[in-house]
Full PDB file with SEQRES, HELIX, SHEET, SSBOND, CRYST1, ORIGX, SCALE, CONECT and MASTER records, all heavy atoms in Angstrom:
SEQRES   1 A   40  LEU LEU PRO ALA VAL ALA ARG VAL HIS ALA VAL GLU ILE          
SEQRES   2 A   40  ASP PRO VAL LEU ALA GLY LEU LEU PRO SER THR VAL ALA          
SEQRES   3 A   40  GLU ARG ALA PRO GLU GLN ALA GLY ARG LEU THR VAL THR          
SEQRES   4 A   40  GLY                                                          
HELIX    1 AA1 LEU A    2  ALA A    4  5                                   3    
HELIX    2 AA2 PRO A   15  ARG A   28  1                                  14    
HELIX    3 AA3 ALA A   33  ARG A   35  5                                   3    
SHEET    1 AA1 2 VAL A   8  VAL A  11  0                                        
SHEET    2 AA1 2 LEU A  36  THR A  39  1                                        
CRYST1    1.000    1.000    1.000  90.00  90.00  90.00 P 1           1          
ORIGX1      1.000000  0.000000  0.000000        0.00000                         
ORIGX2      0.000000  1.000000  0.000000        0.00000                         
ORIGX3      0.000000  0.000000  1.000000        0.00000                         
SCALE1      1.000000  0.000000  0.000000        0.00000                         
SCALE2      0.000000  1.000000  0.000000        0.00000                         
SCALE3      0.000000  0.000000  1.000000        0.00000                         
ATOM      1  N   LEU A   1     143.112 325.103   1.790  1.00  0.00           N  
ATOM      2  CA  LEU A   1     141.909 324.436   1.307  1.00  0.00           C  
ATOM      3  C   LEU A   1     140.841 324.268   2.391  1.00  0.00           C  
ATOM      4  O   LEU A   1     139.643 324.446   2.122  1.00  0.00           O  
ATOM      5  CB  LEU A   1     142.265 323.048   0.758  1.00  0.00           C  
ATOM      6  CG  LEU A   1     142.840 322.966  -0.646  1.00  0.00           C  
ATOM      7  CD1 LEU A   1     143.453 321.590  -0.891  1.00  0.00           C  
ATOM      8  CD2 LEU A   1     141.753 323.263  -1.680  1.00  0.00           C  
ATOM      9  N   LEU A   2     141.240 323.923   3.581  1.00  0.00           N  
ATOM     10  CA  LEU A   2     140.275 323.514   4.609  1.00  0.00           C  
ATOM     11  C   LEU A   2     139.170 324.539   4.881  1.00  0.00           C  
ATOM     12  O   LEU A   2     138.001 324.151   5.003  1.00  0.00           O  
ATOM     13  CB  LEU A   2     141.017 323.168   5.906  1.00  0.00           C  
ATOM     14  CG  LEU A   2     141.609 321.758   5.941  1.00  0.00           C  
ATOM     15  CD1 LEU A   2     142.593 321.624   7.097  1.00  0.00           C  
ATOM     16  CD2 LEU A   2     140.512 320.706   6.054  1.00  0.00           C  
ATOM     17  N   PRO A   3     139.453 325.833   4.970  1.00  0.00           N  
ATOM     18  CA  PRO A   3     138.353 326.781   5.231  1.00  0.00           C  
ATOM     19  C   PRO A   3     137.386 326.934   4.065  1.00  0.00           C  
ATOM     20  O   PRO A   3     136.275 327.435   4.248  1.00  0.00           O  
ATOM     21  CB  PRO A   3     139.096 328.111   5.470  1.00  0.00           C  
ATOM     22  CG  PRO A   3     140.502 327.736   5.770  1.00  0.00           C  
ATOM     23  CD  PRO A   3     140.764 326.505   4.977  1.00  0.00           C  
ATOM     24  N   ALA A   4     137.802 326.483   2.860  1.00  0.00           N  
ATOM     25  CA  ALA A   4     137.002 326.740   1.658  1.00  0.00           C  
ATOM     26  C   ALA A   4     136.098 325.582   1.255  1.00  0.00           C  
ATOM     27  O   ALA A   4     135.190 325.769   0.446  1.00  0.00           O  
ATOM     28  CB  ALA A   4     137.932 327.073   0.481  1.00  0.00           C  
ATOM     29  N   VAL A   5     136.333 324.391   1.804  1.00  0.00           N  
ATOM     30  CA  VAL A   5     135.630 323.200   1.324  1.00  0.00           C  
ATOM     31  C   VAL A   5     135.027 322.411   2.478  1.00  0.00           C  
ATOM     32  O   VAL A   5     135.276 322.696   3.652  1.00  0.00           O  
ATOM     33  CB  VAL A   5     136.594 322.295   0.504  1.00  0.00           C  
ATOM     34  CG1 VAL A   5     137.170 323.064  -0.679  1.00  0.00           C  
ATOM     35  CG2 VAL A   5     137.714 321.734   1.369  1.00  0.00           C  
ATOM     36  N   ALA A   6     134.229 321.404   2.122  1.00  0.00           N  
ATOM     37  CA  ALA A   6     133.589 320.581   3.150  1.00  0.00           C  
ATOM     38  C   ALA A   6     134.591 319.687   3.865  1.00  0.00           C  
ATOM     39  O   ALA A   6     134.501 319.466   5.078  1.00  0.00           O  
ATOM     40  CB  ALA A   6     132.493 319.727   2.518  1.00  0.00           C  
ATOM     41  N   ARG A   7     135.552 319.163   3.085  1.00  0.00           N  
ATOM     42  CA  ARG A   7     136.511 318.215   3.646  1.00  0.00           C  
ATOM     43  C   ARG A   7     137.716 318.117   2.727  1.00  0.00           C  
ATOM     44  O   ARG A   7     137.595 318.272   1.510  1.00  0.00           O  
ATOM     45  CB  ARG A   7     135.853 316.837   3.820  1.00  0.00           C  
ATOM     46  CG  ARG A   7     136.652 315.849   4.638  1.00  0.00           C  
ATOM     47  CD  ARG A   7     135.815 314.605   4.981  1.00  0.00           C  
ATOM     48  NE  ARG A   7     136.480 313.815   5.989  1.00  0.00           N  
ATOM     49  CZ  ARG A   7     136.419 314.039   7.296  1.00  0.00           C  
ATOM     50  NH1 ARG A   7     135.673 315.036   7.750  1.00  0.00           N  
ATOM     51  NH2 ARG A   7     137.081 313.300   8.158  1.00  0.00           N  
ATOM     52  N   VAL A   8     138.869 317.850   3.305  1.00  0.00           N  
ATOM     53  CA  VAL A   8     140.081 317.545   2.542  1.00  0.00           C  
ATOM     54  C   VAL A   8     140.518 316.132   2.889  1.00  0.00           C  
ATOM     55  O   VAL A   8     140.649 315.784   4.062  1.00  0.00           O  
ATOM     56  CB  VAL A   8     141.228 318.533   2.854  1.00  0.00           C  
ATOM     57  CG1 VAL A   8     142.516 318.085   2.158  1.00  0.00           C  
ATOM     58  CG2 VAL A   8     140.860 319.942   2.415  1.00  0.00           C  
ATOM     59  N   HIS A   9     140.689 315.326   1.851  1.00  0.00           N  
ATOM     60  CA  HIS A   9     141.208 313.967   2.036  1.00  0.00           C  
ATOM     61  C   HIS A   9     142.595 313.943   1.407  1.00  0.00           C  
ATOM     62  O   HIS A   9     142.733 314.003   0.192  1.00  0.00           O  
ATOM     63  CB  HIS A   9     140.293 312.933   1.388  1.00  0.00           C  
ATOM     64  CG  HIS A   9     140.540 311.542   1.869  1.00  0.00           C  
ATOM     65  ND1 HIS A   9     139.535 310.642   2.121  1.00  0.00           N  
ATOM     66  CD2 HIS A   9     141.696 310.885   2.152  1.00  0.00           C  
ATOM     67  CE1 HIS A   9     140.059 309.503   2.535  1.00  0.00           C  
ATOM     68  NE2 HIS A   9     141.378 309.632   2.551  1.00  0.00           N  
ATOM     69  N   ALA A  10     143.614 313.895   2.237  1.00  0.00           N  
ATOM     70  CA  ALA A  10     144.996 313.962   1.777  1.00  0.00           C  
ATOM     71  C   ALA A  10     145.582 312.560   1.651  1.00  0.00           C  
ATOM     72  O   ALA A  10     145.408 311.721   2.535  1.00  0.00           O  
ATOM     73  CB  ALA A  10     145.828 314.796   2.738  1.00  0.00           C  
ATOM     74  N   VAL A  11     146.294 312.326   0.560  1.00  0.00           N  
ATOM     75  CA  VAL A  11     146.983 311.052   0.332  1.00  0.00           C  
ATOM     76  C   VAL A  11     148.478 311.349   0.310  1.00  0.00           C  
ATOM     77  O   VAL A  11     148.957 312.091  -0.549  1.00  0.00           O  
ATOM     78  CB  VAL A  11     146.548 310.400  -0.995  1.00  0.00           C  
ATOM     79  CG1 VAL A  11     147.348 309.125  -1.257  1.00  0.00           C  
ATOM     80  CG2 VAL A  11     145.060 310.081  -0.967  1.00  0.00           C  
ATOM     81  N   GLU A  12     149.204 310.763   1.241  1.00  0.00           N  
ATOM     82  CA  GLU A  12     150.635 311.041   1.389  1.00  0.00           C  
ATOM     83  C   GLU A  12     151.419 309.724   1.493  1.00  0.00           C  
ATOM     84  O   GLU A  12     151.133 308.910   2.362  1.00  0.00           O  
ATOM     85  CB  GLU A  12     150.874 311.901   2.632  1.00  0.00           C  
ATOM     86  CG  GLU A  12     152.328 312.156   2.969  1.00  0.00           C  
ATOM     87  CD  GLU A  12     153.081 312.835   1.831  1.00  0.00           C  
ATOM     88  OE1 GLU A  12     152.739 313.979   1.493  1.00  0.00           O  
ATOM     89  OE2 GLU A  12     154.009 312.186   1.301  1.00  0.00           O  
ATOM     90  N   ILE A  13     152.408 309.555   0.617  1.00  0.00           N  
ATOM     91  CA  ILE A  13     153.185 308.320   0.603  1.00  0.00           C  
ATOM     92  C   ILE A  13     154.241 308.287   1.695  1.00  0.00           C  
ATOM     93  O   ILE A  13     154.621 307.206   2.170  1.00  0.00           O  
ATOM     94  CB  ILE A  13     153.841 308.131  -0.793  1.00  0.00           C  
ATOM     95  CG1 ILE A  13     154.408 306.711  -0.924  1.00  0.00           C  
ATOM     96  CG2 ILE A  13     154.898 309.182  -1.054  1.00  0.00           C  
ATOM     97  CD1 ILE A  13     154.904 306.395  -2.330  1.00  0.00           C  
ATOM     98  N   ASP A  14     154.727 309.453   2.124  1.00  0.00           N  
ATOM     99  CA  ASP A  14     155.772 309.534   3.147  1.00  0.00           C  
ATOM    100  C   ASP A  14     155.138 309.394   4.525  1.00  0.00           C  
ATOM    101  O   ASP A  14     154.370 310.260   4.947  1.00  0.00           O  
ATOM    102  CB  ASP A  14     156.492 310.880   3.022  1.00  0.00           C  
ATOM    103  CG  ASP A  14     157.707 310.998   3.935  1.00  0.00           C  
ATOM    104  OD1 ASP A  14     157.637 310.498   5.075  1.00  0.00           O  
ATOM    105  OD2 ASP A  14     158.709 311.604   3.511  1.00  0.00           O  
ATOM    106  N   PRO A  15     155.437 308.316   5.261  1.00  0.00           N  
ATOM    107  CA  PRO A  15     154.763 308.106   6.552  1.00  0.00           C  
ATOM    108  C   PRO A  15     155.055 309.185   7.584  1.00  0.00           C  
ATOM    109  O   PRO A  15     154.214 309.475   8.433  1.00  0.00           O  
ATOM    110  CB  PRO A  15     155.281 306.731   7.005  1.00  0.00           C  
ATOM    111  CG  PRO A  15     156.543 306.507   6.225  1.00  0.00           C  
ATOM    112  CD  PRO A  15     156.355 307.206   4.928  1.00  0.00           C  
ATOM    113  N   VAL A  16     156.232 309.776   7.513  1.00  0.00           N  
ATOM    114  CA  VAL A  16     156.566 310.840   8.462  1.00  0.00           C  
ATOM    115  C   VAL A  16     155.695 312.061   8.208  1.00  0.00           C  
ATOM    116  O   VAL A  16     155.115 312.646   9.136  1.00  0.00           O  
ATOM    117  CB  VAL A  16     158.061 311.205   8.357  1.00  0.00           C  
ATOM    118  CG1 VAL A  16     158.376 312.414   9.245  1.00  0.00           C  
ATOM    119  CG2 VAL A  16     158.926 310.022   8.757  1.00  0.00           C  
ATOM    120  N   LEU A  17     155.568 312.453   6.945  1.00  0.00           N  
ATOM    121  CA  LEU A  17     154.734 313.603   6.605  1.00  0.00           C  
ATOM    122  C   LEU A  17     153.250 313.318   6.860  1.00  0.00           C  
ATOM    123  O   LEU A  17     152.516 314.193   7.325  1.00  0.00           O  
ATOM    124  CB  LEU A  17     154.952 313.990   5.144  1.00  0.00           C  
ATOM    125  CG  LEU A  17     156.337 314.548   4.804  1.00  0.00           C  
ATOM    126  CD1 LEU A  17     156.459 314.789   3.311  1.00  0.00           C  
ATOM    127  CD2 LEU A  17     156.606 315.825   5.581  1.00  0.00           C  
ATOM    128  N   ALA A  18     152.824 312.091   6.564  1.00  0.00           N  
ATOM    129  CA  ALA A  18     151.424 311.722   6.820  1.00  0.00           C  
ATOM    130  C   ALA A  18     151.104 311.807   8.301  1.00  0.00           C  
ATOM    131  O   ALA A  18     150.003 312.228   8.695  1.00  0.00           O  
ATOM    132  CB  ALA A  18     151.161 310.311   6.296  1.00  0.00           C  
ATOM    133  N   GLY A  19     152.056 311.439   9.134  1.00  0.00           N  
ATOM    134  CA  GLY A  19     151.849 311.495  10.579  1.00  0.00           C  
ATOM    135  C   GLY A  19     151.853 312.905  11.130  1.00  0.00           C  
ATOM    136  O   GLY A  19     151.168 313.208  12.113  1.00  0.00           O  
ATOM    137  N   LEU A  20     152.621 313.799  10.504  1.00  0.00           N  
ATOM    138  CA  LEU A  20     152.727 315.177  10.985  1.00  0.00           C  
ATOM    139  C   LEU A  20     151.525 316.030  10.629  1.00  0.00           C  
ATOM    140  O   LEU A  20     151.134 316.926  11.388  1.00  0.00           O  
ATOM    141  CB  LEU A  20     153.984 315.826  10.393  1.00  0.00           C  
ATOM    142  CG  LEU A  20     154.179 317.316  10.700  1.00  0.00           C  
ATOM    143  CD1 LEU A  20     154.514 317.525  12.172  1.00  0.00           C  
ATOM    144  CD2 LEU A  20     155.255 317.919   9.805  1.00  0.00           C  
ATOM    145  N   LEU A  21     150.912 315.773   9.460  1.00  0.00           N  
ATOM    146  CA  LEU A  21     149.893 316.677   8.929  1.00  0.00           C  
ATOM    147  C   LEU A  21     148.732 316.941   9.896  1.00  0.00           C  
ATOM    148  O   LEU A  21     148.343 318.106  10.089  1.00  0.00           O  
ATOM    149  CB  LEU A  21     149.372 316.152   7.596  1.00  0.00           C  
ATOM    150  CG  LEU A  21     148.408 317.066   6.843  1.00  0.00           C  
ATOM    151  CD1 LEU A  21     149.072 318.407   6.515  1.00  0.00           C  
ATOM    152  CD2 LEU A  21     147.929 316.387   5.558  1.00  0.00           C  
ATOM    153  N   PRO A  22     148.142 315.924  10.533  1.00  0.00           N  
ATOM    154  CA  PRO A  22     147.019 316.216  11.443  1.00  0.00           C  
ATOM    155  C   PRO A  22     147.404 317.162  12.584  1.00  0.00           C  
ATOM    156  O   PRO A  22     146.610 318.035  12.967  1.00  0.00           O  
ATOM    157  CB  PRO A  22     146.618 314.832  11.971  1.00  0.00           C  
ATOM    158  CG  PRO A  22     147.056 313.892  10.895  1.00  0.00           C  
ATOM    159  CD  PRO A  22     148.338 314.466  10.375  1.00  0.00           C  
ATOM    160  N   SER A  23     148.609 317.014  13.126  1.00  0.00           N  
ATOM    161  CA  SER A  23     149.010 317.894  14.231  1.00  0.00           C  
ATOM    162  C   SER A  23     149.268 319.317  13.746  1.00  0.00           C  
ATOM    163  O   SER A  23     148.972 320.287  14.449  1.00  0.00           O  
ATOM    164  CB  SER A  23     150.245 317.327  14.941  1.00  0.00           C  
ATOM    165  OG  SER A  23     151.344 317.212  14.058  1.00  0.00           O  
ATOM    166  N   THR A  24     149.805 319.456  12.532  1.00  0.00           N  
ATOM    167  CA  THR A  24     150.013 320.792  11.969  1.00  0.00           C  
ATOM    168  C   THR A  24     148.673 321.496  11.781  1.00  0.00           C  
ATOM    169  O   THR A  24     148.520 322.673  12.111  1.00  0.00           O  
ATOM    170  CB  THR A  24     150.745 320.694  10.614  1.00  0.00           C  
ATOM    171  OG1 THR A  24     152.017 320.081  10.811  1.00  0.00           O  
ATOM    172  CG2 THR A  24     150.942 322.067   9.994  1.00  0.00           C  
ATOM    173  N   VAL A  25     147.696 320.774  11.259  1.00  0.00           N  
ATOM    174  CA  VAL A  25     146.371 321.358  11.050  1.00  0.00           C  
ATOM    175  C   VAL A  25     145.697 321.658  12.385  1.00  0.00           C  
ATOM    176  O   VAL A  25     145.060 322.717  12.559  1.00  0.00           O  
ATOM    177  CB  VAL A  25     145.505 320.417  10.189  1.00  0.00           C  
ATOM    178  CG1 VAL A  25     144.054 320.882  10.173  1.00  0.00           C  
ATOM    179  CG2 VAL A  25     146.050 320.346   8.764  1.00  0.00           C  
ATOM    180  N   ALA A  26     145.834 320.763  13.349  1.00  0.00           N  
ATOM    181  CA  ALA A  26     145.230 320.998  14.666  1.00  0.00           C  
ATOM    182  C   ALA A  26     145.809 322.247  15.325  1.00  0.00           C  
ATOM    183  O   ALA A  26     145.102 322.991  16.021  1.00  0.00           O  
ATOM    184  CB  ALA A  26     145.453 319.782  15.558  1.00  0.00           C  
ATOM    185  N   GLU A  27     147.079 322.506  15.091  1.00  0.00           N  
ATOM    186  CA  GLU A  27     147.729 323.673  15.683  1.00  0.00           C  
ATOM    187  C   GLU A  27     147.370 324.964  14.963  1.00  0.00           C  
ATOM    188  O   GLU A  27     147.116 325.992  15.595  1.00  0.00           O  
ATOM    189  CB  GLU A  27     149.253 323.485  15.629  1.00  0.00           C  
ATOM    190  CG  GLU A  27     150.039 324.687  16.140  1.00  0.00           C  
ATOM    191  CD  GLU A  27     151.536 324.547  15.934  1.00  0.00           C  
ATOM    192  OE1 GLU A  27     151.980 323.487  15.470  1.00  0.00           O  
ATOM    193  OE2 GLU A  27     152.247 325.530  16.227  1.00  0.00           O  
ATOM    194  N   ARG A  28     147.320 324.907  13.636  1.00  0.00           N  
ATOM    195  CA  ARG A  28     147.197 326.129  12.848  1.00  0.00           C  
ATOM    196  C   ARG A  28     145.782 326.388  12.335  1.00  0.00           C  
ATOM    197  O   ARG A  28     145.481 327.503  11.890  1.00  0.00           O  
ATOM    198  CB  ARG A  28     148.179 326.080  11.676  1.00  0.00           C  
ATOM    199  CG  ARG A  28     149.619 325.834  12.102  1.00  0.00           C  
ATOM    200  CD  ARG A  28     150.575 325.864  10.932  1.00  0.00           C  
ATOM    201  NE  ARG A  28     150.878 327.226  10.539  1.00  0.00           N  
ATOM    202  CZ  ARG A  28     151.846 327.986  11.071  1.00  0.00           C  
ATOM    203  NH1 ARG A  28     152.604 327.507  12.044  1.00  0.00           N  
ATOM    204  NH2 ARG A  28     152.052 329.203  10.640  1.00  0.00           N  
ATOM    205  N   ALA A  29     144.920 325.373  12.366  1.00  0.00           N  
ATOM    206  CA  ALA A  29     143.529 325.539  11.925  1.00  0.00           C  
ATOM    207  C   ALA A  29     142.620 324.654  12.766  1.00  0.00           C  
ATOM    208  O   ALA A  29     141.933 323.776  12.243  1.00  0.00           O  
ATOM    209  CB  ALA A  29     143.396 325.185  10.447  1.00  0.00           C  
ATOM    210  N   PRO A  30     142.586 324.870  14.080  1.00  0.00           N  
ATOM    211  CA  PRO A  30     141.833 323.967  14.965  1.00  0.00           C  
ATOM    212  C   PRO A  30     140.351 323.866  14.626  1.00  0.00           C  
ATOM    213  O   PRO A  30     139.749 322.808  14.815  1.00  0.00           O  
ATOM    214  CB  PRO A  30     142.060 324.564  16.362  1.00  0.00           C  
ATOM    215  CG  PRO A  30     142.480 325.981  16.125  1.00  0.00           C  
ATOM    216  CD  PRO A  30     143.222 325.961  14.833  1.00  0.00           C  
ATOM    217  N   GLU A  31     139.765 324.939  14.097  1.00  0.00           N  
ATOM    218  CA  GLU A  31     138.335 324.898  13.784  1.00  0.00           C  
ATOM    219  C   GLU A  31     138.032 323.999  12.583  1.00  0.00           C  
ATOM    220  O   GLU A  31     136.896 323.554  12.419  1.00  0.00           O  
ATOM    221  CB  GLU A  31     137.823 326.318  13.516  1.00  0.00           C  
ATOM    222  CG  GLU A  31     137.868 327.202  14.749  1.00  0.00           C  
ATOM    223  CD  GLU A  31     137.282 328.576  14.485  1.00  0.00           C  
ATOM    224  OE1 GLU A  31     136.754 328.804  13.386  1.00  0.00           O  
ATOM    225  OE2 GLU A  31     137.348 329.431  15.401  1.00  0.00           O  
ATOM    226  N   GLN A  32     139.029 323.749  11.743  1.00  0.00           N  
ATOM    227  CA  GLN A  32     138.817 322.900  10.577  1.00  0.00           C  
ATOM    228  C   GLN A  32     139.470 321.516  10.707  1.00  0.00           C  
ATOM    229  O   GLN A  32     139.374 320.698   9.797  1.00  0.00           O  
ATOM    230  CB  GLN A  32     139.376 323.575   9.317  1.00  0.00           C  
ATOM    231  CG  GLN A  32     138.574 324.760   8.832  1.00  0.00           C  
ATOM    232  CD  GLN A  32     139.122 326.073   9.346  1.00  0.00           C  
ATOM    233  OE1 GLN A  32     140.321 326.239   9.448  1.00  0.00           O  
ATOM    234  NE2 GLN A  32     138.252 327.023   9.649  1.00  0.00           N  
ATOM    235  N   ALA A  33     140.138 321.253  11.815  1.00  0.00           N  
ATOM    236  CA  ALA A  33     140.907 320.017  11.953  1.00  0.00           C  
ATOM    237  C   ALA A  33     140.046 318.773  11.782  1.00  0.00           C  
ATOM    238  O   ALA A  33     140.521 317.745  11.279  1.00  0.00           O  
ATOM    239  CB  ALA A  33     141.605 319.989  13.311  1.00  0.00           C  
ATOM    240  N   GLY A  34     138.787 318.852  12.194  1.00  0.00           N  
ATOM    241  CA  GLY A  34     137.901 317.697  12.070  1.00  0.00           C  
ATOM    242  C   GLY A  34     137.484 317.401  10.649  1.00  0.00           C  
ATOM    243  O   GLY A  34     136.850 316.368  10.388  1.00  0.00           O  
ATOM    244  N   ARG A  35     137.834 318.268   9.718  1.00  0.00           N  
ATOM    245  CA  ARG A  35     137.454 318.073   8.320  1.00  0.00           C  
ATOM    246  C   ARG A  35     138.612 317.533   7.483  1.00  0.00           C  
ATOM    247  O   ARG A  35     138.543 317.546   6.254  1.00  0.00           O  
ATOM    248  CB  ARG A  35     136.945 319.393   7.717  1.00  0.00           C  
ATOM    249  CG  ARG A  35     135.780 319.995   8.491  1.00  0.00           C  
ATOM    250  CD  ARG A  35     134.867 320.799   7.590  1.00  0.00           C  
ATOM    251  NE  ARG A  35     135.536 321.885   6.912  1.00  0.00           N  
ATOM    252  CZ  ARG A  35     135.596 323.142   7.344  1.00  0.00           C  
ATOM    253  NH1 ARG A  35     135.057 323.443   8.521  1.00  0.00           N  
ATOM    254  NH2 ARG A  35     136.175 324.081   6.643  1.00  0.00           N  
ATOM    255  N   LEU A  36     139.651 317.052   8.150  1.00  0.00           N  
ATOM    256  CA  LEU A  36     140.805 316.482   7.450  1.00  0.00           C  
ATOM    257  C   LEU A  36     140.858 314.978   7.650  1.00  0.00           C  
ATOM    258  O   LEU A  36     140.711 314.471   8.764  1.00  0.00           O  
ATOM    259  CB  LEU A  36     142.101 317.100   7.976  1.00  0.00           C  
ATOM    260  CG  LEU A  36     143.401 316.454   7.462  1.00  0.00           C  
ATOM    261  CD1 LEU A  36     143.608 316.754   5.983  1.00  0.00           C  
ATOM    262  CD2 LEU A  36     144.602 316.927   8.282  1.00  0.00           C  
ATOM    263  N   THR A  37     141.066 314.263   6.547  1.00  0.00           N  
ATOM    264  CA  THR A  37     141.350 312.822   6.594  1.00  0.00           C  
ATOM    265  C   THR A  37     142.674 312.598   5.884  1.00  0.00           C  
ATOM    266  O   THR A  37     142.927 313.192   4.834  1.00  0.00           O  
ATOM    267  CB  THR A  37     140.253 312.013   5.868  1.00  0.00           C  
ATOM    268  OG1 THR A  37     139.004 312.233   6.511  1.00  0.00           O  
ATOM    269  CG2 THR A  37     140.560 310.519   5.889  1.00  0.00           C  
ATOM    270  N   VAL A  38     143.517 311.773   6.462  1.00  0.00           N  
ATOM    271  CA  VAL A  38     144.810 311.466   5.853  1.00  0.00           C  
ATOM    272  C   VAL A  38     144.901 309.974   5.588  1.00  0.00           C  
ATOM    273  O   VAL A  38     144.632 309.153   6.472  1.00  0.00           O  
ATOM    274  CB  VAL A  38     145.982 311.897   6.755  1.00  0.00           C  
ATOM    275  CG1 VAL A  38     147.321 311.565   6.089  1.00  0.00           C  
ATOM    276  CG2 VAL A  38     145.901 313.380   7.071  1.00  0.00           C  
ATOM    277  N   THR A  39     145.259 309.632   4.354  1.00  0.00           N  
ATOM    278  CA  THR A  39     145.518 308.240   3.991  1.00  0.00           C  
ATOM    279  C   THR A  39     146.993 308.109   3.615  1.00  0.00           C  
ATOM    280  O   THR A  39     147.472 308.822   2.734  1.00  0.00           O  
ATOM    281  CB  THR A  39     144.649 307.812   2.787  1.00  0.00           C  
ATOM    282  OG1 THR A  39     143.284 307.778   3.188  1.00  0.00           O  
ATOM    283  CG2 THR A  39     145.054 306.433   2.273  1.00  0.00           C  
ATOM    284  N   GLY A  40     147.691 307.238   4.313  1.00  0.00           N  
ATOM    285  CA  GLY A  40     149.087 306.978   3.996  1.00  0.00           C  
ATOM    286  C   GLY A  40     149.159 305.928   2.900  1.00  0.00           C  
ATOM    287  O   GLY A  40     148.950 304.743   3.156  1.00  0.00           O  
TER     288      GLY A  40                                                      
MASTER        0    0    0    3    2    0    0    6  287    1    0    4          
END                                                                             
């Protein structure tokens, strides 16, 4: 989603997964990492 849209706002109930997502995106899509927001 991130390369196709202005921003992704992810809602994740699992705190472990919510904590991992920003680092996964930073590693695999660094140019779009600033367009991700995560709400646990």
